Amino acid sequence: MRLLNLKGEVVHQQNLSTSSGHRVQIPSIVSSGVYILSITSKNAHYHTKVVIQ
């Protein structure tokens, strides 16, 4: 899992287990703003916009 700012820079990255129901914790050092959450596995790529307030 990668969290990117709108410039495409990685601001947070962590490995996720393959079990379902995994909860992603964003560290408090990440500033408020709009980010892209990118999750990549062997079979799929998922990207979505995230707003942190």
Protein backbone atom coordinates (compact mmCIF):
# COMPACT_ATOMS: atom_id res chain seq x y z
CA MET A 1 0.00 0.00 0.00
CA ARG A 2 1.30 3.40 -0.94
CA LEU A 3 -0.10 6.83 -0.14
CA LEU A 4 0.93 9.43 -2.71
CA ASN A 5 0.49 13.19 -2.74
CA LEU A 6 -0.88 14.85 -5.86
CA LYS A 7 2.68 15.37 -7.13
CA GLY A 8 3.08 11.58 -7.22
CA GLU A 9 5.50 11.47 -4.29
CA VAL A 10 5.15 8.59 -1.82
CA VAL A 11 4.35 10.00 1.63
CA HIS A 12 3.62 6.66 3.34
CA GLN A 13 4.17 3.04 2.42
CA GLN A 14 3.43 -0.24 4.20
CA ASN A 15 3.07 -3.90 3.35
CA LEU A 16 -0.35 -5.45 3.81
CA SER A 17 -1.10 -9.08 4.55
CA THR A 18 -3.23 -11.03 2.11
CA SER A 19 -5.98 -11.70 4.64
CA SER A 20 -9.29 -9.98 4.00
CA GLY A 21 -10.52 -7.17 6.22
CA HIS A 22 -7.13 -5.51 6.64
CA ARG A 23 -7.42 -2.01 8.12
CA VAL A 24 -5.00 0.66 6.90
CA GLN A 25 -3.67 3.07 9.51
CA ILE A 26 -2.36 6.41 8.24
CA PRO A 27 0.24 7.94 10.59
CA SER A 28 -0.62 11.26 12.22
CA ILE A 29 2.47 12.86 10.62
CA VAL A 30 0.64 12.92 7.26
CA SER A 31 -0.74 16.42 6.70
CA SER A 32 -4.35 17.20 5.85
CA GLY A 33 -5.02 17.14 2.13
CA VAL A 34 -5.93 15.03 -0.89
CA TYR A 35 -3.94 11.86 -1.59
CA ILE A 36 -4.03 8.82 -3.86
CA LEU A 37 -4.19 5.43 -2.12
CA SER A 38 -2.55 2.78 -4.28
CA ILE A 39 -2.80 -0.93 -3.50
CA THR A 40 -1.08 -3.43 -5.76
CA SER A 41 -1.18 -7.23 -5.61
CA LYS A 42 0.00 -9.93 -7.96
CA ASN A 43 -3.40 -9.94 -9.70
CA ALA A 44 -4.81 -6.43 -9.36
CA HIS A 45 -4.14 -2.72 -8.96
CA TYR A 46 -6.46 -0.43 -6.99
CA HIS A 47 -6.24 3.36 -6.82
CA THR A 48 -8.60 5.77 -5.09
CA LYS A 49 -8.63 9.36 -3.91
CA VAL A 50 -8.41 9.86 -0.13
CA VAL A 51 -9.11 13.09 1.74
CA ILE A 52 -7.38 13.45 5.13
CA GLN A 53 -8.78 16.14 7.38
